[in-house]
Protein backbone atom coordinates (compact mmCIF):
# COMPACT_ATOMS: atom_id res chain seq x y z
CA MET A 1 0.67 23.67 20.69
CA ARG A 2 -0.75 20.13 20.38
CA ARG A 3 -3.19 21.35 17.75
CA LEU A 4 -0.35 23.02 15.83
CA LEU A 5 1.76 19.86 15.95
CA ALA A 6 -1.17 17.82 14.74
CA VAL A 7 -1.71 20.19 11.82
CA VAL A 8 2.00 20.08 10.90
CA THR A 9 2.04 16.28 11.12
CA ILE A 10 -1.03 15.93 8.92
CA ALA A 11 0.41 18.40 6.42
CA SER A 12 3.66 16.44 6.29
CA LEU A 13 1.83 13.17 5.72
CA LEU A 14 -0.29 14.71 2.98
CA ALA A 15 2.81 16.14 1.31
CA ALA A 16 4.55 12.76 1.45
CA GLY A 17 1.48 11.09 0.01
CA ALA A 18 1.24 13.66 -2.76
CA ALA A 19 4.90 13.20 -3.61
CA ALA A 20 4.48 9.44 -3.81
CA ALA A 21 1.37 9.85 -5.94
CA ALA A 22 3.29 12.15 -8.25
CA GLY A 23 5.96 9.52 -8.70
CA HIS A 24 8.52 11.28 -6.51
CA ALA A 25 9.27 8.34 -4.24
CA THR A 26 12.99 7.74 -3.87
CA LEU A 27 14.08 4.72 -5.86
CA THR A 28 16.43 2.12 -4.41
CA VAL A 29 18.86 0.78 -6.99
CA TYR A 30 20.89 -2.34 -6.24
CA ALA A 31 23.99 -2.13 -8.44
CA ALA A 32 27.25 -3.95 -9.01
CA ALA A 33 30.21 -2.56 -7.06
CA SER A 34 31.97 -1.59 -10.30
CA LEU A 35 29.21 0.98 -10.92
CA THR A 36 29.90 2.81 -7.65
CA ASP A 37 31.49 5.87 -9.24
CA VAL A 38 29.50 6.24 -12.44
CA PHE A 39 25.89 5.62 -11.40
CA PRO A 40 25.62 8.66 -9.08
CA LYS A 41 26.87 10.77 -12.00
CA ILE A 42 24.04 9.43 -14.15
CA ASP A 43 21.36 10.00 -11.51
CA SER A 44 22.09 11.38 -8.06
CA THR A 45 18.45 11.46 -6.93
CA VAL A 46 18.10 7.75 -6.19
CA ARG A 47 19.31 5.62 -3.28
CA TYR A 48 22.09 3.20 -4.24
CA SER A 49 23.26 -0.03 -2.67
CA PHE A 50 26.53 -1.23 -4.22
CA ALA A 51 27.94 -4.73 -3.68
CA GLY A 52 28.81 -7.93 -5.49
CA SER A 53 26.03 -8.71 -7.96
CA ASN A 54 25.56 -12.20 -6.47
CA THR A 55 25.06 -10.72 -3.00
CA LEU A 56 22.47 -8.26 -4.30
CA ALA A 57 20.64 -10.98 -6.24
CA ALA A 58 20.45 -13.10 -3.08
CA GLN A 59 19.04 -10.15 -1.14
CA ILE A 60 16.37 -9.58 -3.79
CA GLN A 61 15.39 -13.26 -3.58
CA GLN A 62 14.99 -12.78 0.16
CA GLY A 63 12.62 -9.85 -0.38
CA ALA A 64 14.96 -6.87 0.02
CA PRO A 65 13.22 -3.56 -0.87
CA ALA A 66 14.96 -2.86 -4.18
CA ASP A 67 13.36 -1.17 -7.18
CA VAL A 68 16.07 -1.79 -9.79
CA PHE A 69 18.82 -4.41 -10.12
CA ALA A 70 21.91 -3.64 -12.21
CA SER A 71 24.24 -6.61 -12.47
CA ALA A 72 27.78 -7.01 -13.81
CA ASN A 73 26.62 -10.02 -15.77
CA THR A 74 23.50 -11.27 -17.54
CA THR A 75 23.28 -14.61 -15.74
CA LEU A 76 22.05 -13.38 -12.36
CA PRO A 77 19.26 -11.13 -13.71
CA ALA A 78 18.21 -13.94 -16.05
CA GLN A 79 17.91 -16.31 -13.09
CA LEU A 80 15.77 -13.80 -11.20
CA PHE A 81 13.64 -13.24 -14.30
CA ALA A 82 13.04 -16.99 -14.60
CA LYS A 83 11.68 -16.91 -11.04
CA GLY A 84 9.45 -13.91 -11.77
CA LEU A 85 11.41 -11.66 -9.42
CA VAL A 86 12.45 -9.07 -12.03
CA THR A 87 11.30 -7.91 -15.45
CA LYS A 88 13.11 -9.08 -18.57
CA PRO A 89 16.75 -7.88 -18.23
CA VAL A 90 18.32 -5.60 -20.81
CA VAL A 91 22.03 -5.14 -21.48
CA PHE A 92 23.07 -1.55 -20.83
CA THR A 93 26.89 -1.58 -21.01
CA ARG A 94 29.99 -3.76 -21.34
CA ASN A 95 33.44 -3.95 -19.76
CA THR A 96 36.81 -5.71 -19.93
CA LEU A 97 39.13 -7.18 -17.30
CA VAL A 98 42.71 -6.18 -16.55
CA VAL A 99 45.40 -7.22 -14.12
CA ILE A 100 46.52 -4.54 -11.68
CA VAL A 101 49.69 -4.39 -9.59
CA PRO A 102 50.81 -1.85 -6.98
CA LYS A 103 52.53 1.16 -8.53
CA SER A 104 55.90 -0.02 -7.20
CA ASN A 105 55.26 -3.48 -8.70
CA PRO A 106 57.39 -5.37 -6.12
CA ALA A 107 56.80 -8.75 -7.79
CA ASP A 108 57.98 -7.42 -11.18
CA ILE A 109 54.85 -8.48 -13.06
CA HIS A 110 54.53 -7.42 -16.69
CA SER A 111 52.07 -9.90 -18.20
CA VAL A 112 49.33 -12.31 -17.19
CA TYR A 113 51.84 -15.14 -17.61
CA ASP A 114 53.97 -13.65 -14.83
CA LEU A 115 51.20 -14.52 -12.39
CA ARG A 116 52.65 -18.04 -12.35
CA LYS A 117 55.71 -16.89 -10.36
CA PRO A 118 56.18 -18.96 -7.18
CA GLY A 119 55.31 -17.13 -3.98
CA LEU A 120 53.34 -14.39 -5.70
CA LYS A 121 50.35 -13.02 -3.72
CA LEU A 122 47.32 -12.84 -6.02
CA VAL A 123 43.90 -11.56 -4.98
CA ILE A 124 40.77 -12.34 -6.97
CA ALA A 125 37.01 -12.22 -6.36
CA GLY A 126 35.09 -15.32 -5.35
CA PRO A 127 33.74 -17.55 -8.14
CA ALA A 128 30.11 -16.54 -7.50
CA VAL A 129 30.95 -12.86 -8.06
CA PRO A 130 30.78 -11.90 -11.76
CA VAL A 131 34.34 -10.54 -11.86
CA GLY A 132 35.55 -13.70 -10.13
CA SER A 133 33.80 -15.88 -12.69
CA TYR A 134 35.26 -13.79 -15.52
CA THR A 135 38.72 -14.16 -13.96
CA LEU A 136 38.42 -17.94 -14.02
CA GLN A 137 37.33 -17.78 -17.66
CA ILE A 138 40.45 -15.82 -18.57
CA LEU A 139 42.75 -18.26 -16.80
CA LYS A 140 41.02 -21.16 -18.56
CA ASN A 141 41.28 -19.44 -21.95
CA MET A 142 45.01 -18.89 -21.38
CA ALA A 143 45.62 -22.40 -19.97
CA LEU A 144 46.86 -20.88 -16.71
CA THR A 145 44.27 -22.15 -14.23
CA SER A 146 46.32 -24.54 -12.11
CA ASP A 147 49.56 -22.51 -12.15
CA VAL A 148 47.94 -19.19 -11.25
CA LEU A 149 45.28 -20.29 -8.78
CA GLN A 150 47.94 -21.76 -6.49
CA ASN A 151 49.10 -18.17 -5.91
CA VAL A 152 45.68 -16.91 -4.80
CA VAL A 153 45.85 -15.73 -1.19
CA SER A 154 42.26 -14.47 -0.87
CA ARG A 155 38.94 -14.40 -2.70
CA GLU A 156 36.98 -11.20 -2.16
CA THR A 157 33.23 -10.50 -2.15
CA ASP A 158 33.37 -7.78 -4.82
CA VAL A 159 35.73 -6.10 -7.26
CA ARG A 160 36.31 -3.04 -5.07
CA GLU A 161 37.82 -5.21 -2.33
CA VAL A 162 40.29 -6.64 -4.85
CA LEU A 163 41.10 -3.12 -6.03
CA ALA A 164 41.68 -1.87 -2.48
CA LYS A 165 44.03 -4.69 -1.49
CA VAL A 166 46.25 -4.19 -4.52
CA ALA A 167 46.19 -0.39 -4.28
CA LEU A 168 47.24 -0.64 -0.61
CA GLY A 169 50.07 -3.03 -1.46
CA GLU A 170 48.51 -5.94 0.43
CA ALA A 171 48.76 -8.11 -2.68
CA ASP A 172 51.13 -8.35 -5.64
CA ALA A 173 48.35 -8.44 -8.24
CA GLY A 174 44.62 -8.77 -8.82
CA PHE A 175 42.02 -9.03 -11.57
CA VAL A 176 39.56 -6.13 -11.82
CA TYR A 177 37.46 -4.40 -14.45
CA SER A 178 39.33 -1.81 -16.49
CA THR A 179 36.90 0.83 -15.22
CA ASP A 180 37.81 0.11 -11.58
CA ALA A 181 41.52 0.51 -12.30
CA ARG A 182 40.78 4.02 -13.59
CA THR A 183 39.34 5.07 -10.22
CA VAL A 184 42.71 4.88 -8.42
CA PRO A 185 45.10 6.75 -10.74
CA GLY A 186 48.68 6.75 -9.55
CA GLN A 187 48.11 3.86 -7.14
CA VAL A 188 48.20 0.89 -9.51
CA THR A 189 49.75 -0.13 -12.81
CA VAL A 190 47.49 -1.77 -15.38
CA ILE A 191 48.50 -4.87 -17.31
CA LYS A 192 46.23 -5.71 -20.21
CA VAL A 193 44.63 -9.10 -20.74
CA PRO A 194 44.91 -10.28 -24.38
CA ALA A 195 41.75 -9.55 -26.34
CA TRP A 196 41.44 -13.18 -27.41
CA ALA A 197 41.31 -14.29 -23.78
CA GLN A 198 38.66 -11.78 -22.67
CA PRO A 199 35.29 -13.15 -21.59
CA LYS A 200 32.05 -11.55 -22.78
CA VAL A 201 31.46 -9.00 -20.03
CA GLN A 202 27.95 -7.57 -20.31
CA TYR A 203 25.95 -5.71 -17.65
CA ALA A 204 22.18 -6.19 -17.46
CA VAL A 205 19.51 -4.19 -15.64
CA ALA A 206 15.92 -4.99 -14.69
CA VAL A 207 13.03 -3.69 -12.60
CA VAL A 208 12.33 -5.67 -9.44
CA SER A 209 8.83 -7.14 -9.70
CA SER A 210 7.91 -6.38 -6.09
CA SER A 211 8.84 -2.70 -6.41
CA PRO A 212 6.06 -0.32 -5.35
CA ASN A 213 7.58 2.22 -7.75
CA ARG A 214 7.63 0.22 -10.97
CA THR A 215 6.82 3.13 -13.27
CA ALA A 216 9.67 5.24 -11.90
CA ALA A 217 11.95 2.19 -11.84
CA GLN A 218 11.25 1.51 -15.51
CA ALA A 219 11.94 5.17 -16.27
CA TYR A 220 15.34 4.77 -14.58
CA VAL A 221 16.11 1.71 -16.72
CA ASN A 222 15.03 3.57 -19.86
CA HIS A 223 17.27 6.49 -18.90
CA LEU A 224 20.30 4.18 -18.70
CA LEU A 225 19.83 3.32 -22.36
CA LYS A 226 19.65 6.92 -23.57
CA LYS A 227 22.52 8.91 -25.05
CA ALA A 228 23.24 11.07 -21.99
CA ALA A 229 23.66 8.11 -19.63
CA GLN A 230 25.53 6.07 -22.22
CA ALA A 231 27.96 8.95 -22.72
CA LYS A 232 28.72 9.04 -18.99
CA LEU A 233 29.31 5.29 -18.94
CA ILE A 234 31.70 5.57 -21.89
CA ALA A 235 33.48 8.51 -20.24
CA ALA A 236 34.04 6.26 -17.21
CA GLY A 237 35.67 3.63 -19.43
CA PHE A 238 32.73 1.31 -20.03
CA LEU A 239 32.08 0.01 -23.53
CA PRO A 240 28.99 0.75 -25.65
CA ARG A 241 26.21 -1.74 -25.17
CA VAL A 242 25.43 -4.19 -27.93
CA LYS A 243 21.89 -3.64 -29.14
CA ARG A 244 19.88 -6.77 -29.76
C-alpha cells in the first residue's frame, strides 16, 4: 500500500510539473470590482480576485502572487510600471459614471443637481478608489463639490459596495459605473451624468513582473484586446477601447 501511494504521489507531482511546463498553470488575475461579472465570461479558467483597484495595487506592491492586474484607471498601473512591478499597461476598455437611486426613489432624485437636497443620504467610494476619484471629478466639473459632499454618509472601498447599499435602500443615491447599474435590474433607477461632466474613464491592464507565468499572463492580456473579448465587454455595457 505504501509503495502504491508513493507511485500515485510521484505520478501526481510529475503530472503537475508537466502541466506547468506546458503552460497550464492557473493564472491569478487581480481585477477591478466593476469587472466582476464580465471577466469570468471572457475567461473562466483563471483565478480572479476582485476589489478596489487601489487595494489590489497595494497588494501587488507588497508582493501578492498576482499574474495580471486589470485596473479601473490608468494611473495605478502606470505607478506600478514606474516602479518596475508590472509591464507597460495597455488600455483595454472604457466606462462612464451614473447616479443610481433605489427603485422607489424615496428622496425624489431626478438629476445630479438634486443631490444637493438637505438631509439626503449619499454613498460614494473613497477618493483613492478609481470610481471615487471619478466621482469627485464630476462634482468639480459641475461645481457641486461643497453642496453634495456634505450629504455623503459613507465612503466605500469599491464600487460594488456603493451599488449594494443603494440597491438595498440603505442610501438615497450613489455614484457607480454604468456597467454596475446594469447588474441589478429592477433594483435601482439610473440617472445619467451629463456627457460634458464625465471624466475620462479608461481601464488598463498589465502583466505583473514577478509572475512565474508571464507567457500565459501576456496571452491573457492579448486575449482581452481581441474581438471576442471586446464584444463581451461591449455586451456588458463597457465602451470600446481607444487604440493608441
